[in-house]
Structure formats: C-alpha cells, structure tokens
Amino acid sequence: HYPLRRQRQMCIRDSFKTLGIKDEHYLLDWFLTIFSKSLDICLASRIWDCYLFEGEIFIYKVALGILKMYENRLKERGFEDCLTFLRHLPEDLSEKKLFDLIEGFTIASYIHKFIEDIEAKKDSANNMLSLSDYMDTEDGVLQKEEETQDDNSTDDDVIEKKTGT
C-alpha cells in the first residue's frame, strides 16, 4: 500500500469541473439502477452480488473503476460527448479490468464514516456524497479534497491503492 497524494496535473476531476459536468449528470442513472441499465446484464448481476455482499461502498468503487478505466477518453471529450459516453457505456467494457481496478481500491475509514452519515441523513439533499470530490485518477489515485479531512486523519488514513508489492 502507498498513501495517495493529491496530484497537481489535469485529472478527470478537473476536466469534469472545467466542462461543468456534475455527478448527478451521470451517477443518478448508474446508482438508481445499480448499473443494470448501463452495463451488460451479466456484469450488472455480478455488481449486484458484490453490492449485496459489501454494501453501498461497492457502488462507489464501481463508478470510480469505470471512470478510471475510461479516464483518457473522457478527458479528451467535450461536455455533450462525455455525458453521452457515460450514459451509454461501451458494450465491450472489460469485466476483468473493471474488477481488477475495483480490487485495487481501499477506502479509508473516514470515508466509510462519511457514507454512514449520509445514510443516516438521506432526507437531506445537501448531504449527498460528491464522487467527483474523491476522484483523482492520475496513476490510479483516489483523493478526497483536503478540506473534508478531519484534523485527526493521517496520510495512512487517506484512500489507498493496492500495489501488489
């Protein structure tokens, strides 16, 4: 494991921010159907199984995996092309590659707590988890904006990616 550091080069989060693409433009459909509308039924079924086993955090991992998988394509497109791509994912999306990416994500305890807090306050629209705030896909990195880290967190508490070494 290695702690993830914020990258200062252009990442998908920055690209989305520049284009004005918000999470709700594409995530609502993904999350409401738990990817069954966007992905092949066999892949969606596997995602459903993992979601039922691991919980809501797995849905975020899938979304991050998809964004990481297509990061370069998405950074090269404009607003409309990005949204069309995200709403109509390629049929040849590699299940193995997606799950390899997902397995590499370890979510820090403060993010789990954040999601639990959101679950406890679902009636409040202002408490929606913003996935783009957690994205920095340069070198497989996931990073939460610094202002949301609590004062007690350390670099080891930040989202980590398994390196296999």
Protein backbone atom coordinates (compact mmCIF):
# COMPACT_ATOMS: atom_id res chain seq x y z
CA HIS A 1 0.00 0.00 0.00
CA TYR A 2 1.04 3.53 -0.52
CA PRO A 3 -0.66 6.69 0.70
CA LEU A 4 -2.25 8.66 -2.04
CA ARG A 5 -1.16 12.19 -2.56
CA ARG A 6 -3.01 14.91 -4.42
CA GLN A 7 -1.74 15.24 -7.98
CA ARG A 8 -1.43 18.75 -9.41
CA GLN A 9 -1.74 17.79 -13.09
CA MET A 10 -5.00 17.73 -15.02
CA CYS A 11 -7.11 14.83 -13.83
CA ILE A 12 -10.61 13.70 -14.70
CA ARG A 13 -11.99 15.63 -11.72
CA ASP A 14 -10.50 18.85 -13.06
CA SER A 15 -11.69 18.06 -16.57
CA PHE A 16 -15.25 17.47 -15.35
CA LYS A 17 -15.14 20.66 -13.30
CA THR A 18 -13.94 22.66 -16.31
CA LEU A 19 -16.69 21.20 -18.52
CA GLY A 20 -19.36 21.73 -15.87
CA ILE A 21 -20.12 18.02 -15.56
CA LYS A 22 -21.63 17.22 -12.19
CA ASP A 23 -22.07 13.84 -10.56
CA GLU A 24 -25.84 13.96 -10.94
CA HIS A 25 -25.48 14.18 -14.72
CA TYR A 26 -24.46 10.52 -14.90
CA LEU A 27 -24.40 8.93 -11.44
CA LEU A 28 -28.12 9.12 -10.80
CA ASP A 29 -28.84 6.64 -13.58
CA TRP A 30 -25.93 4.38 -12.56
CA PHE A 31 -26.90 4.34 -8.90
CA LEU A 32 -30.68 4.08 -9.22
CA THR A 33 -30.37 1.03 -11.47
CA ILE A 34 -27.17 -0.21 -9.84
CA PHE A 35 -25.65 -0.26 -13.33
CA SER A 36 -28.27 -2.63 -14.80
CA LYS A 37 -29.27 -0.06 -17.44
CA SER A 38 -25.70 0.93 -18.35
CA LEU A 39 -23.89 -2.41 -18.41
CA ASP A 40 -24.30 -5.90 -19.77
CA ILE A 41 -26.73 -7.93 -17.63
CA CYS A 42 -24.05 -10.49 -16.66
CA LEU A 43 -21.69 -7.76 -15.45
CA ALA A 44 -24.54 -5.90 -13.74
CA SER A 45 -25.56 -9.12 -11.97
CA ARG A 46 -22.04 -9.58 -10.63
CA ILE A 47 -22.07 -5.96 -9.44
CA TRP A 48 -25.41 -6.56 -7.71
CA ASP A 49 -23.99 -9.63 -5.94
CA CYS A 50 -20.96 -7.69 -4.73
CA TYR A 51 -23.15 -4.76 -3.69
CA LEU A 52 -25.35 -7.04 -1.60
CA PHE A 53 -22.26 -8.58 -0.01
CA GLU A 54 -20.12 -5.46 0.52
CA GLY A 55 -22.74 -2.73 0.83
CA GLU A 56 -23.21 0.69 -0.70
CA ILE A 57 -19.49 1.47 -0.83
CA PHE A 58 -19.14 -1.08 -3.63
CA ILE A 59 -21.34 1.03 -5.93
CA TYR A 60 -18.92 3.94 -5.49
CA LYS A 61 -15.98 1.65 -6.25
CA VAL A 62 -17.64 0.51 -9.48
CA ALA A 63 -18.29 4.11 -10.53
CA LEU A 64 -14.68 5.05 -9.76
CA GLY A 65 -13.46 1.97 -11.63
CA ILE A 66 -15.45 2.93 -14.73
CA LEU A 67 -14.17 6.50 -14.57
CA LYS A 68 -10.60 5.29 -14.15
CA MET A 69 -10.98 2.79 -16.97
CA TYR A 70 -12.11 5.48 -19.41
CA GLU A 71 -10.23 8.42 -17.96
CA ASN A 72 -8.23 9.26 -21.07
CA ARG A 73 -11.25 9.04 -23.37
CA LEU A 74 -13.29 11.25 -21.06
CA LYS A 75 -10.59 13.92 -20.69
CA GLU A 76 -10.44 14.29 -24.48
CA ARG A 77 -14.18 14.91 -24.95
CA GLY A 78 -16.46 17.90 -24.60
CA PHE A 79 -19.50 18.22 -22.34
CA GLU A 80 -22.07 16.50 -24.60
CA ASP A 81 -19.68 13.74 -25.72
CA CYS A 82 -18.72 12.95 -22.12
CA LEU A 83 -22.34 12.72 -21.00
CA THR A 84 -23.32 10.58 -23.97
CA PHE A 85 -20.37 8.27 -23.29
CA LEU A 86 -21.17 7.99 -19.57
CA ARG A 87 -24.86 7.31 -20.24
CA HIS A 88 -24.10 4.72 -22.93
CA LEU A 89 -21.02 2.84 -21.77
CA PRO A 90 -19.21 0.66 -24.32
CA GLU A 91 -20.63 -2.83 -24.69
CA ASP A 92 -17.11 -4.27 -24.70
CA LEU A 93 -16.33 -2.95 -21.20
CA SER A 94 -13.85 -5.45 -19.74
CA GLU A 95 -15.26 -7.11 -16.62
CA LYS A 96 -11.80 -8.35 -15.63
CA LYS A 97 -10.21 -4.92 -15.99
CA LEU A 98 -13.05 -3.26 -14.08
CA PHE A 99 -12.84 -5.70 -11.18
CA ASP A 100 -9.05 -5.52 -11.13
CA LEU A 101 -9.38 -1.74 -10.69
CA ILE A 102 -12.07 -2.15 -8.03
CA GLU A 103 -9.93 -4.62 -6.08
CA GLY A 104 -7.15 -2.04 -6.01
CA PHE A 105 -9.29 0.50 -4.16
CA THR A 106 -9.18 0.60 -0.39
CA ILE A 107 -11.47 3.14 1.16
CA ALA A 108 -10.29 4.98 4.26
CA SER A 109 -12.29 4.74 7.47
CA TYR A 110 -13.26 8.42 7.44
CA ILE A 111 -14.93 7.92 4.04
CA HIS A 112 -16.86 4.92 5.37
CA LYS A 113 -17.98 7.16 8.24
CA PHE A 114 -18.97 9.88 5.79
CA ILE A 115 -21.13 7.42 3.83
CA GLU A 116 -22.71 6.13 7.05
CA ASP A 117 -23.53 9.72 8.00
CA ILE A 118 -25.13 10.25 4.59
CA GLU A 119 -27.20 7.10 5.03
CA ALA A 120 -28.37 8.40 8.40
CA LYS A 121 -29.41 11.73 6.84
CA LYS A 122 -30.85 10.61 3.48
CA ASP A 123 -33.69 13.08 3.78
CA SER A 124 -31.24 15.98 3.43
CA ALA A 125 -30.27 16.71 -0.19
CA ASN A 126 -27.28 18.80 0.92
CA ASN A 127 -25.52 15.73 2.31
CA MET A 128 -25.06 13.91 -1.00
CA LEU A 129 -21.66 12.32 -1.46
CA SER A 130 -19.91 14.03 -4.34
CA LEU A 131 -17.99 11.36 -6.18
CA SER A 132 -16.01 13.87 -8.21
CA ASP A 133 -14.54 15.24 -4.96
CA TYR A 134 -12.99 11.82 -4.41
CA MET A 135 -11.60 11.35 -7.89
CA ASP A 136 -8.05 11.85 -8.95
CA THR A 137 -7.32 9.08 -11.33
CA GLU A 138 -3.74 10.01 -12.20
CA ASP A 139 -1.76 6.80 -11.58
CA GLY A 140 -4.85 5.10 -10.15
CA VAL A 141 -5.09 7.64 -7.36
CA LEU A 142 -8.22 8.46 -5.44
CA GLN A 143 -8.13 11.50 -3.23
CA LYS A 144 -10.68 13.46 -1.24
CA GLU A 145 -10.45 17.21 -1.27
CA GLU A 146 -8.29 18.25 1.66
CA GLU A 147 -10.85 20.45 3.37
CA THR A 148 -13.03 17.45 4.26
CA GLN A 149 -10.35 15.50 6.10
CA ASP A 150 -10.77 15.69 9.82
CA ASP A 151 -7.90 17.05 11.86
CA ASN A 152 -7.11 13.60 13.29
CA SER A 153 -6.51 11.88 9.94
CA THR A 154 -3.05 10.94 8.79
CA ASP A 155 -1.61 10.16 5.37
CA ASP A 156 -2.30 6.48 6.13
CA ASP A 157 -6.00 7.30 6.57
CA VAL A 158 -6.23 8.65 3.03
CA ILE A 159 -7.62 6.39 0.34
CA GLU A 160 -5.01 3.89 -0.69
CA LYS A 161 -4.44 1.78 -3.76
CA LYS A 162 -3.00 -1.71 -3.51
CA THR A 163 0.21 -2.03 -5.45
CA GLY A 164 0.61 -5.78 -5.33
CA THR A 165 4.10 -5.46 -3.89
